[in-house]
Amino acid sequence: MEEQDRPGLVMIYSTEEEYKDGEPKPTGYYDFILTHQEAHVSLPRKPLTMIRKMEKSVQNRKPGKVMGKEIKPLGNNIIEVSFPLVSEAELERLKKKAGSGGKFLRIWAPKEGLFVYPGQDTIDFINANPDSVIE
């Protein structure tokens, strides 16, 4: 599937580029689409790594959530939230799983970036503490 088949998205990673002639060619895709972020007041206790969440999504065939804790203000009401995508060893393990299932692995994101929405705990905090909100 090409990027034009997923309007508004840009592919940020694909194992398709690593395919070598002579290897059995995968016939499908595991597409992971990053959709949005939620801002929470409390930090996650023991978040699973992104790769573990991706593996669970493949196993359960359901969407999943990934948590990140690295927040960096950039100014002009812009923040950068980052989390390690995957380690090389974890990525290699997921690529092998995808390949053994006859699939390529691809990760997509919106071209405009990820929208940030308040999580329910953030909404509850704001409603409970209206004087602490800066307008």
Protein backbone atom coordinates (compact mmCIF):
# COMPACT_ATOMS: atom_id res chain seq x y z
CA MET A 1 0.00 0.00 0.00
CA GLU A 2 1.44 3.36 -0.98
CA GLU A 3 1.12 6.61 0.97
CA GLN A 4 -1.49 7.85 -1.50
CA ASP A 5 -3.69 4.94 -0.33
CA ARG A 6 -3.70 6.45 3.17
CA PRO A 7 -4.57 10.13 2.63
CA GLY A 8 -3.34 12.47 5.33
CA LEU A 9 -0.77 9.97 6.62
CA VAL A 10 2.93 9.63 6.14
CA MET A 11 4.81 6.35 6.54
CA ILE A 12 7.54 6.77 9.16
CA TYR A 13 8.86 3.20 9.08
CA SER A 14 8.54 0.14 6.86
CA THR A 15 10.27 -3.23 6.69
CA GLU A 16 9.32 -3.34 3.01
CA GLU A 17 12.47 -1.36 2.23
CA GLU A 18 14.58 -4.13 3.79
CA TYR A 19 13.14 -6.90 1.58
CA LYS A 20 15.80 -8.73 -0.39
CA ASP A 21 15.25 -10.59 -3.65
CA GLY A 22 15.24 -14.35 -3.13
CA GLU A 23 13.55 -14.17 0.29
CA PRO A 24 9.92 -15.27 0.55
CA LYS A 25 7.98 -12.05 -0.07
CA PRO A 26 5.42 -11.18 2.62
CA THR A 27 1.87 -10.89 1.31
CA GLY A 28 0.33 -8.42 3.73
CA TYR A 29 0.99 -5.71 6.30
CA TYR A 30 0.85 -5.01 10.00
CA ASP A 31 0.02 -1.30 9.87
CA PHE A 32 0.39 0.70 13.07
CA ILE A 33 -1.20 4.15 12.79
CA LEU A 34 -0.36 6.76 15.40
CA THR A 35 -3.56 8.79 15.82
CA HIS A 36 -3.38 11.19 18.77
CA GLN A 37 -1.96 11.86 22.21
CA GLU A 38 -3.71 12.38 25.52
CA ALA A 39 -2.29 14.65 28.21
CA HIS A 40 -2.65 13.24 31.72
CA VAL A 41 -2.08 14.78 35.14
CA SER A 42 -0.63 11.61 36.60
CA LEU A 43 2.28 9.68 35.16
CA PRO A 44 1.80 6.04 34.18
CA ARG A 45 3.17 3.66 36.84
CA LYS A 46 4.80 0.94 34.76
CA PRO A 47 4.02 1.58 31.12
CA LEU A 48 4.80 -1.16 28.62
CA THR A 49 7.25 -0.29 25.89
CA MET A 50 5.85 0.65 22.50
CA ILE A 51 7.08 -2.63 21.01
CA ARG A 52 5.30 -4.70 23.71
CA LYS A 53 2.08 -2.79 23.04
CA MET A 54 2.51 -3.38 19.30
CA GLU A 55 3.04 -7.11 19.91
CA LYS A 56 -0.11 -7.24 22.05
CA SER A 57 -2.08 -5.44 19.32
CA VAL A 58 -0.91 -7.98 16.74
CA GLN A 59 -1.70 -10.88 19.06
CA ASN A 60 -5.15 -9.55 20.08
CA ARG A 61 -5.90 -7.95 16.70
CA LYS A 62 -7.07 -4.81 18.52
CA PRO A 63 -5.91 -1.19 18.74
CA GLY A 64 -3.72 -0.24 21.69
CA LYS A 65 -2.32 2.72 23.61
CA VAL A 66 1.27 3.71 24.25
CA MET A 67 2.34 5.90 27.17
CA GLY A 68 5.22 8.36 27.18
CA LYS A 69 6.68 10.52 29.95
CA GLU A 70 9.19 12.77 28.17
CA ILE A 71 7.68 16.26 27.77
CA LYS A 72 9.63 19.26 26.47
CA PRO A 73 8.09 22.74 26.08
CA LEU A 74 9.15 24.36 22.79
CA GLY A 75 7.42 27.75 23.29
CA ASN A 76 4.38 29.35 21.60
CA ASN A 77 2.08 26.77 23.24
CA ILE A 78 3.94 23.93 21.51
CA ILE A 79 5.23 20.91 23.40
CA GLU A 80 7.18 17.88 22.27
CA VAL A 81 6.21 14.54 23.76
CA SER A 82 8.62 11.74 23.03
CA PHE A 83 8.95 8.10 23.86
CA PRO A 84 11.44 5.58 22.60
CA LEU A 85 9.90 3.94 19.56
CA VAL A 86 11.75 0.66 19.86
CA SER A 87 15.19 -0.68 20.56
CA GLU A 88 17.05 -2.40 17.73
CA ALA A 89 16.68 -5.82 19.40
CA GLU A 90 12.95 -5.35 19.98
CA LEU A 91 12.43 -4.12 16.43
CA GLU A 92 14.30 -7.14 15.07
CA ARG A 93 12.07 -9.46 17.13
CA LEU A 94 8.88 -7.80 15.86
CA LYS A 95 10.15 -7.86 12.25
CA LYS A 96 10.77 -11.62 12.56
CA LYS A 97 7.28 -12.16 13.99
CA ALA A 98 5.71 -10.12 11.21
CA GLY A 99 7.81 -11.87 8.56
CA SER A 100 6.99 -15.34 9.88
CA GLY A 101 3.31 -14.39 9.60
CA GLY A 102 3.86 -13.34 5.98
CA LYS A 103 3.55 -9.61 6.69
CA PHE A 104 5.56 -6.40 6.35
CA LEU A 105 5.64 -4.04 9.34
CA ARG A 106 4.71 -0.38 8.76
CA ILE A 107 4.23 2.60 11.08
CA TRP A 108 2.20 5.64 9.98
CA ALA A 109 1.55 9.11 11.45
CA PRO A 110 -0.60 12.09 10.43
CA LYS A 111 1.24 14.51 8.14
CA GLU A 112 0.28 17.45 10.39
CA GLY A 113 1.56 15.73 13.53
CA LEU A 114 -0.35 14.15 16.37
CA PHE A 115 -3.19 16.05 18.04
CA VAL A 116 -3.08 16.30 21.84
CA TYR A 117 -6.30 15.89 23.82
CA PRO A 118 -6.80 16.06 27.58
CA GLY A 119 -7.14 12.68 29.29
CA GLN A 120 -10.11 12.13 31.60
CA ASP A 121 -7.95 12.64 34.71
CA THR A 122 -6.85 16.03 33.32
CA ILE A 123 -10.46 17.07 32.67
CA ASP A 124 -11.43 15.97 36.20
CA PHE A 125 -8.49 17.94 37.68
CA ILE A 126 -9.43 21.11 35.79
CA ASN A 127 -13.09 20.80 36.82
CA ALA A 128 -12.11 20.24 40.46
CA ASN A 129 -9.55 23.10 40.50
CA PRO A 130 -10.91 25.88 38.26
CA ASP A 131 -8.74 28.52 40.01
CA SER A 132 -5.55 26.75 38.95
CA VAL A 133 -6.32 26.99 35.22
CA ILE A 134 -4.43 29.66 33.30
CA GLU A 135 -6.38 31.30 30.49
